[in-house]
């Protein structure tokens, strides 16, 4: 058995142990479909309406940026630089807490998509909040 095969099996069994055996596959995942999956997951987990409202308010302007401005068709083509550009251009002149709320929401959204197997690579993985001074 090769080292790669052993690593793949180890990862599979770790996911199986956690109840997640979906294989991440490259697909034509649109932003709207991803948001639908994200909110369905939150509802299944019984999260508060205020929590879901927070994410709706933060994801809505990002959708406008992706669909209308960048003309991104699927999330697989989205890059980390595009997410950083969006946050920096839209929120860098705002208060740090405001900036961090948007960064945190996008990071959580993309972490969910990767964790549940909707995306192979997480373009929001390295999104960091600003330090409060």
N, C-alpha and C. Protein backbone atom coordinates (compact mmCIF):
# COMPACT_ATOMS: atom_id res chain seq x y z
N UNK A 1 0.83 -1.16 0.00
CA UNK A 1 0.00 0.00 0.00
C UNK A 1 0.88 1.24 0.00
N UNK A 2 0.53 2.22 -0.83
CA UNK A 2 1.33 3.43 -0.88
C UNK A 2 0.97 4.36 0.28
N UNK A 3 1.83 5.30 0.53
CA UNK A 3 1.58 6.26 1.61
C UNK A 3 0.34 7.09 1.31
N UNK A 4 0.14 7.42 0.05
CA UNK A 4 -1.04 8.20 -0.35
C UNK A 4 -2.32 7.41 -0.05
N UNK A 5 -2.34 6.12 -0.37
CA UNK A 5 -3.51 5.29 -0.10
C UNK A 5 -3.78 5.20 1.39
N UNK A 6 -2.74 5.06 2.16
CA UNK A 6 -2.89 5.00 3.62
C UNK A 6 -3.48 6.31 4.14
N UNK A 7 -2.98 7.44 3.62
CA UNK A 7 -3.51 8.75 4.04
C UNK A 7 -4.97 8.90 3.66
N UNK A 8 -5.34 8.47 2.45
CA UNK A 8 -6.73 8.55 2.01
C UNK A 8 -7.63 7.69 2.89
N UNK A 9 -7.19 6.49 3.21
CA UNK A 9 -7.98 5.62 4.08
C UNK A 9 -8.10 6.20 5.49
N UNK A 10 -7.02 6.75 5.99
CA UNK A 10 -7.05 7.37 7.32
C UNK A 10 -8.05 8.51 7.35
N UNK A 11 -8.02 9.37 6.32
CA UNK A 11 -8.96 10.48 6.24
C UNK A 11 -10.40 9.98 6.15
N UNK A 12 -10.62 8.95 5.34
CA UNK A 12 -11.96 8.40 5.19
C UNK A 12 -12.49 7.89 6.53
N UNK A 13 -11.67 7.15 7.25
CA UNK A 13 -12.13 6.59 8.52
C UNK A 13 -12.33 7.67 9.58
N UNK A 14 -11.53 8.73 9.53
CA UNK A 14 -11.76 9.84 10.46
C UNK A 14 -13.10 10.50 10.16
N UNK A 15 -13.40 10.69 8.87
CA UNK A 15 -14.69 11.27 8.49
C UNK A 15 -15.82 10.33 8.86
N UNK A 16 -15.62 9.04 8.63
CA UNK A 16 -16.65 8.05 8.94
C UNK A 16 -16.96 8.06 10.44
N UNK A 17 -15.92 8.14 11.23
CA UNK A 17 -16.06 8.17 12.68
C UNK A 17 -16.87 9.40 13.11
N UNK A 18 -16.70 10.50 12.39
CA UNK A 18 -17.42 11.73 12.70
C UNK A 18 -18.79 11.78 12.03
N UNK A 19 -19.12 10.75 11.26
CA UNK A 19 -20.42 10.71 10.60
C UNK A 19 -20.46 11.43 9.27
N UNK A 20 -19.32 11.76 8.72
CA UNK A 20 -19.26 12.49 7.46
C UNK A 20 -18.46 11.68 6.45
N UNK A 21 -19.14 11.08 5.51
CA UNK A 21 -18.44 10.27 4.52
C UNK A 21 -18.62 10.82 3.11
N UNK A 22 -19.20 12.01 3.01
CA UNK A 22 -19.35 12.60 1.68
C UNK A 22 -17.97 12.89 1.11
N UNK A 23 -17.78 12.57 -0.13
CA UNK A 23 -16.54 12.91 -0.80
C UNK A 23 -16.71 14.26 -1.47
N UNK A 24 -15.78 15.16 -1.24
CA UNK A 24 -15.83 16.45 -1.90
C UNK A 24 -15.61 16.25 -3.39
N UNK A 25 -16.50 16.79 -4.16
CA UNK A 25 -16.38 16.65 -5.60
C UNK A 25 -16.49 18.01 -6.25
N UNK A 26 -15.74 18.19 -7.29
CA UNK A 26 -15.82 19.41 -8.06
C UNK A 26 -17.17 19.40 -8.76
N UNK A 27 -17.92 20.45 -8.59
CA UNK A 27 -19.24 20.50 -9.20
C UNK A 27 -19.51 21.92 -9.68
N UNK A 28 -20.73 22.13 -10.08
CA UNK A 28 -21.15 23.45 -10.52
C UNK A 28 -21.95 24.12 -9.42
N UNK A 29 -21.37 24.23 -8.25
CA UNK A 29 -22.05 24.79 -7.09
C UNK A 29 -22.18 26.29 -7.23
N UNK A 30 -23.42 26.75 -7.32
CA UNK A 30 -23.66 28.19 -7.40
C UNK A 30 -23.72 28.77 -6.00
N UNK A 31 -23.57 30.06 -5.92
CA UNK A 31 -23.63 30.73 -4.62
C UNK A 31 -25.00 30.52 -3.98
N UNK A 32 -26.06 30.64 -4.78
CA UNK A 32 -27.41 30.48 -4.24
C UNK A 32 -27.65 29.08 -3.68
N UNK A 33 -27.16 28.06 -4.38
CA UNK A 33 -27.29 26.69 -3.87
C UNK A 33 -26.50 26.52 -2.58
N UNK A 34 -25.30 27.08 -2.56
CA UNK A 34 -24.46 26.96 -1.36
C UNK A 34 -25.13 27.62 -0.16
N UNK A 35 -25.74 28.78 -0.38
CA UNK A 35 -26.43 29.47 0.71
C UNK A 35 -27.62 28.64 1.19
N UNK A 36 -28.32 28.03 0.24
CA UNK A 36 -29.46 27.18 0.60
C UNK A 36 -29.00 26.03 1.49
N UNK A 37 -27.90 25.36 1.15
CA UNK A 37 -27.38 24.26 1.95
C UNK A 37 -26.93 24.76 3.33
N UNK A 38 -26.29 25.91 3.35
CA UNK A 38 -25.78 26.50 4.59
C UNK A 38 -26.92 26.77 5.57
N UNK A 39 -28.00 27.38 5.07
CA UNK A 39 -29.12 27.71 5.95
C UNK A 39 -29.93 26.47 6.35
N UNK A 40 -30.02 25.51 5.46
CA UNK A 40 -30.69 24.26 5.82
C UNK A 40 -29.94 23.59 6.97
N UNK A 41 -28.61 23.60 6.90
CA UNK A 41 -27.80 23.03 7.97
C UNK A 41 -28.03 23.76 9.29
N UNK A 42 -28.11 25.08 9.23
CA UNK A 42 -28.34 25.86 10.46
C UNK A 42 -29.71 25.54 11.05
N UNK A 43 -30.71 25.39 10.19
CA UNK A 43 -32.06 25.05 10.67
C UNK A 43 -32.06 23.67 11.32
N UNK A 44 -31.38 22.71 10.68
CA UNK A 44 -31.30 21.35 11.24
C UNK A 44 -30.62 21.35 12.60
N UNK A 45 -29.67 22.23 12.78
CA UNK A 45 -28.95 22.32 14.05
C UNK A 45 -29.72 23.14 15.09
N UNK A 46 -30.82 23.75 14.67
CA UNK A 46 -31.66 24.50 15.60
C UNK A 46 -31.08 25.83 16.03
N UNK A 47 -30.31 26.47 15.14
CA UNK A 47 -29.72 27.76 15.50
C UNK A 47 -30.80 28.84 15.55
N UNK A 48 -30.54 29.86 16.32
CA UNK A 48 -31.50 30.95 16.53
C UNK A 48 -31.73 31.74 15.24
N UNK A 49 -32.91 32.31 15.12
CA UNK A 49 -33.25 33.14 13.96
C UNK A 49 -32.30 34.34 13.86
N UNK A 50 -31.88 34.88 15.00
CA UNK A 50 -30.95 36.01 14.98
C UNK A 50 -29.62 35.61 14.36
N UNK A 51 -29.19 34.40 14.60
CA UNK A 51 -27.95 33.91 14.00
C UNK A 51 -28.10 33.82 12.49
N UNK A 52 -29.21 33.25 12.05
CA UNK A 52 -29.43 33.12 10.60
C UNK A 52 -29.59 34.50 9.96
N UNK A 53 -30.22 35.42 10.66
CA UNK A 53 -30.38 36.78 10.15
C UNK A 53 -29.01 37.45 9.99
N UNK A 54 -28.12 37.24 10.96
CA UNK A 54 -26.76 37.77 10.88
C UNK A 54 -26.08 37.31 9.59
N UNK A 55 -26.15 36.00 9.31
CA UNK A 55 -25.50 35.46 8.12
C UNK A 55 -26.18 35.95 6.84
N UNK A 56 -27.50 36.08 6.84
CA UNK A 56 -28.20 36.61 5.66
C UNK A 56 -27.70 38.01 5.33
N UNK A 57 -27.60 38.84 6.36
CA UNK A 57 -27.17 40.23 6.16
C UNK A 57 -25.73 40.32 5.67
N UNK A 58 -24.90 39.40 6.07
CA UNK A 58 -23.50 39.43 5.66
C UNK A 58 -23.27 38.78 4.29
N UNK A 59 -24.05 37.76 3.97
CA UNK A 59 -23.86 37.06 2.70
C UNK A 59 -24.53 37.76 1.52
N UNK A 60 -25.57 38.54 1.79
CA UNK A 60 -26.30 39.21 0.71
C UNK A 60 -25.43 40.17 -0.11
N UNK A 61 -24.66 41.08 0.52
CA UNK A 61 -23.80 41.95 -0.29
C UNK A 61 -22.68 41.18 -0.99
N UNK A 62 -22.25 40.07 -0.39
CA UNK A 62 -21.21 39.25 -1.03
C UNK A 62 -21.77 38.61 -2.30
N UNK A 63 -23.04 38.20 -2.26
CA UNK A 63 -23.69 37.64 -3.45
C UNK A 63 -23.71 38.67 -4.58
N UNK A 64 -24.06 39.90 -4.23
CA UNK A 64 -24.09 40.97 -5.24
C UNK A 64 -22.71 41.14 -5.87
N UNK A 65 -21.69 41.15 -5.04
CA UNK A 65 -20.32 41.27 -5.53
C UNK A 65 -19.97 40.13 -6.48
N UNK A 66 -20.30 38.90 -6.09
CA UNK A 66 -19.96 37.73 -6.91
C UNK A 66 -20.72 37.70 -8.22
N UNK A 67 -22.03 37.82 -8.13
CA UNK A 67 -22.89 37.60 -9.29
C UNK A 67 -22.92 38.80 -10.23
N UNK A 68 -23.09 39.99 -9.68
CA UNK A 68 -23.25 41.17 -10.53
C UNK A 68 -21.93 41.82 -10.93
N UNK A 69 -20.98 41.86 -10.02
CA UNK A 69 -19.73 42.57 -10.30
C UNK A 69 -18.66 41.65 -10.89
N UNK A 70 -18.37 40.55 -10.21
CA UNK A 70 -17.32 39.63 -10.67
C UNK A 70 -17.80 38.62 -11.69
N UNK A 71 -19.12 38.47 -11.81
CA UNK A 71 -19.72 37.51 -12.76
C UNK A 71 -19.25 36.08 -12.50
N UNK A 72 -19.09 35.74 -11.23
CA UNK A 72 -18.69 34.38 -10.84
C UNK A 72 -19.90 33.47 -10.99
N UNK A 73 -19.75 32.40 -11.76
CA UNK A 73 -20.84 31.47 -11.98
C UNK A 73 -20.88 30.37 -10.93
N UNK A 74 -19.72 29.82 -10.60
CA UNK A 74 -19.66 28.74 -9.62
C UNK A 74 -18.60 29.07 -8.56
N UNK A 75 -18.79 28.54 -7.37
CA UNK A 75 -17.87 28.85 -6.28
C UNK A 75 -16.51 28.19 -6.44
N UNK A 76 -16.42 27.15 -7.25
CA UNK A 76 -15.14 26.48 -7.45
C UNK A 76 -14.12 27.40 -8.12
N UNK A 77 -14.61 28.41 -8.84
CA UNK A 77 -13.69 29.31 -9.53
C UNK A 77 -13.29 30.50 -8.67
N UNK A 78 -13.89 30.63 -7.51
CA UNK A 78 -13.61 31.75 -6.61
C UNK A 78 -12.25 31.55 -5.94
N UNK A 79 -11.51 32.63 -5.82
CA UNK A 79 -10.18 32.55 -5.20
C UNK A 79 -10.15 33.28 -3.86
N UNK A 80 -9.17 32.95 -3.08
CA UNK A 80 -8.95 33.62 -1.80
C UNK A 80 -8.71 35.11 -2.01
N UNK A 81 -7.97 35.46 -3.05
CA UNK A 81 -7.69 36.87 -3.34
C UNK A 81 -8.97 37.65 -3.63
N UNK A 82 -9.92 37.03 -4.31
CA UNK A 82 -11.18 37.71 -4.60
C UNK A 82 -11.97 37.98 -3.32
N UNK A 83 -11.96 37.02 -2.41
CA UNK A 83 -12.66 37.21 -1.13
C UNK A 83 -11.98 38.33 -0.34
N UNK A 84 -10.66 38.29 -0.28
CA UNK A 84 -9.92 39.33 0.44
C UNK A 84 -10.14 40.70 -0.19
N UNK A 85 -10.15 40.75 -1.52
CA UNK A 85 -10.40 42.01 -2.22
C UNK A 85 -11.77 42.56 -1.84
N UNK A 86 -12.78 41.69 -1.84
CA UNK A 86 -14.14 42.10 -1.48
C UNK A 86 -14.16 42.70 -0.07
N UNK A 87 -13.62 41.98 0.89
CA UNK A 87 -13.66 42.46 2.28
C UNK A 87 -12.87 43.76 2.43
N UNK A 88 -11.69 43.80 1.85
CA UNK A 88 -10.85 45.00 1.97
C UNK A 88 -11.49 46.21 1.29
N UNK A 89 -11.98 46.02 0.07
CA UNK A 89 -12.52 47.16 -0.67
C UNK A 89 -13.82 47.68 -0.06
N UNK A 90 -14.59 46.80 0.51
CA UNK A 90 -15.90 47.21 1.02
C UNK A 90 -15.87 47.63 2.49
N UNK A 91 -15.01 47.03 3.29
CA UNK A 91 -15.10 47.24 4.74
C UNK A 91 -13.83 47.74 5.41
N UNK A 92 -12.74 47.94 4.68
CA UNK A 92 -11.49 48.32 5.34
C UNK A 92 -11.55 49.70 5.99
N UNK A 93 -12.40 50.58 5.48
CA UNK A 93 -12.49 51.92 6.05
C UNK A 93 -13.52 51.99 7.19
N UNK A 94 -14.20 50.89 7.43
CA UNK A 94 -15.19 50.83 8.51
C UNK A 94 -14.48 50.48 9.82
N UNK A 95 -15.24 50.49 10.90
CA UNK A 95 -14.67 50.09 12.19
C UNK A 95 -14.22 48.64 12.13
N UNK A 96 -13.20 48.32 12.90
CA UNK A 96 -12.62 46.98 12.89
C UNK A 96 -13.65 45.91 13.20
N UNK A 97 -14.52 46.15 14.14
CA UNK A 97 -15.55 45.16 14.49
C UNK A 97 -16.48 44.86 13.33
N UNK A 98 -16.82 45.89 12.56
CA UNK A 98 -17.68 45.72 11.39
C UNK A 98 -16.98 44.87 10.33
N UNK A 99 -15.73 45.20 10.09
CA UNK A 99 -14.90 44.44 9.15
C UNK A 99 -14.84 42.97 9.58
N UNK A 100 -14.56 42.74 10.87
CA UNK A 100 -14.40 41.38 11.38
C UNK A 100 -15.69 40.56 11.31
N UNK A 101 -16.84 41.21 11.48
CA UNK A 101 -18.12 40.49 11.36
C UNK A 101 -18.28 39.90 9.96
N UNK A 102 -17.94 40.68 8.96
CA UNK A 102 -18.06 40.21 7.58
C UNK A 102 -17.03 39.13 7.29
N UNK A 103 -15.82 39.33 7.76
CA UNK A 103 -14.77 38.32 7.55
C UNK A 103 -15.15 37.01 8.23
N UNK A 104 -15.66 37.10 9.45
CA UNK A 104 -16.05 35.91 10.20
C UNK A 104 -17.20 35.16 9.52
N UNK A 105 -18.17 35.90 9.00
CA UNK A 105 -19.32 35.27 8.34
C UNK A 105 -18.88 34.53 7.08
N UNK A 106 -18.02 35.16 6.28
CA UNK A 106 -17.56 34.50 5.05
C UNK A 106 -16.69 33.29 5.37
N UNK A 107 -15.85 33.41 6.38
CA UNK A 107 -15.00 32.28 6.77
C UNK A 107 -15.86 31.11 7.22
N UNK A 108 -16.87 31.36 8.04
CA UNK A 108 -17.76 30.30 8.52
C UNK A 108 -18.52 29.65 7.36
N UNK A 109 -18.97 30.46 6.42
CA UNK A 109 -19.70 29.96 5.25
C UNK A 109 -18.83 29.01 4.43
N UNK A 110 -17.62 29.43 4.12
CA UNK A 110 -16.74 28.59 3.30
C UNK A 110 -16.22 27.38 4.09
N UNK A 111 -16.01 27.54 5.39
CA UNK A 111 -15.62 26.38 6.22
C UNK A 111 -16.71 25.32 6.18
N UNK A 112 -17.97 25.74 6.27
CA UNK A 112 -19.08 24.79 6.21
C UNK A 112 -19.08 24.06 4.86
N UNK A 113 -18.93 24.80 3.77
CA UNK A 113 -18.97 24.18 2.44
C UNK A 113 -17.86 23.15 2.27
N UNK A 114 -16.69 23.45 2.80
CA UNK A 114 -15.58 22.49 2.71
C UNK A 114 -15.84 21.29 3.63
N UNK A 115 -16.24 21.54 4.85
CA UNK A 115 -16.45 20.47 5.83
C UNK A 115 -17.51 19.48 5.37
N UNK A 116 -18.58 19.99 4.77
CA UNK A 116 -19.66 19.11 4.33
C UNK A 116 -19.47 18.59 2.91
N UNK A 117 -18.33 18.87 2.31
CA UNK A 117 -17.98 18.25 1.04
C UNK A 117 -18.50 18.94 -0.20
N UNK A 118 -18.96 20.17 -0.08
CA UNK A 118 -19.45 20.88 -1.26
C UNK A 118 -18.32 21.53 -2.05
N UNK A 119 -17.22 21.83 -1.37
CA UNK A 119 -16.04 22.40 -2.03
C UNK A 119 -14.82 21.57 -1.69
N UNK A 120 -13.95 21.40 -2.67
CA UNK A 120 -12.70 20.68 -2.44
C UNK A 120 -11.71 21.59 -1.71
N UNK A 121 -11.56 22.79 -2.24
CA UNK A 121 -10.64 23.75 -1.64
C UNK A 121 -11.44 24.89 -1.03
N UNK A 122 -11.02 25.34 0.12
CA UNK A 122 -11.72 26.40 0.83
C UNK A 122 -11.05 27.74 0.55
N UNK A 123 -11.65 28.59 -0.30
CA UNK A 123 -11.02 29.87 -0.61
C UNK A 123 -11.03 30.84 0.57
N UNK A 124 -11.82 30.55 1.59
CA UNK A 124 -11.87 31.42 2.76
C UNK A 124 -11.01 30.96 3.92
N UNK A 125 -10.22 29.93 3.68
CA UNK A 125 -9.41 29.32 4.75
C UNK A 125 -8.49 30.31 5.45
N UNK A 126 -7.87 31.20 4.71
CA UNK A 126 -6.89 32.11 5.30
C UNK A 126 -7.43 33.51 5.57
N UNK A 127 -8.74 33.66 5.59
CA UNK A 127 -9.33 34.95 5.91
C UNK A 127 -9.14 35.19 7.41
N UNK A 128 -8.51 36.29 7.74
CA UNK A 128 -8.20 36.58 9.14
C UNK A 128 -8.88 37.89 9.56
N UNK A 129 -9.34 37.95 10.81
CA UNK A 129 -9.89 39.22 11.31
C UNK A 129 -8.75 40.21 11.57
N UNK A 130 -9.12 41.49 11.58
CA UNK A 130 -8.14 42.51 11.93
C UNK A 130 -8.00 42.56 13.44
N UNK A 131 -6.84 42.99 13.88
CA UNK A 131 -6.63 43.14 15.32
C UNK A 131 -7.32 44.43 15.78
N UNK A 132 -8.00 44.32 16.91
CA UNK A 132 -8.65 45.48 17.49
C UNK A 132 -7.60 46.25 18.27
N UNK A 133 -7.53 47.54 18.01
CA UNK A 133 -6.50 48.37 18.67
C UNK A 133 -7.14 49.32 19.65
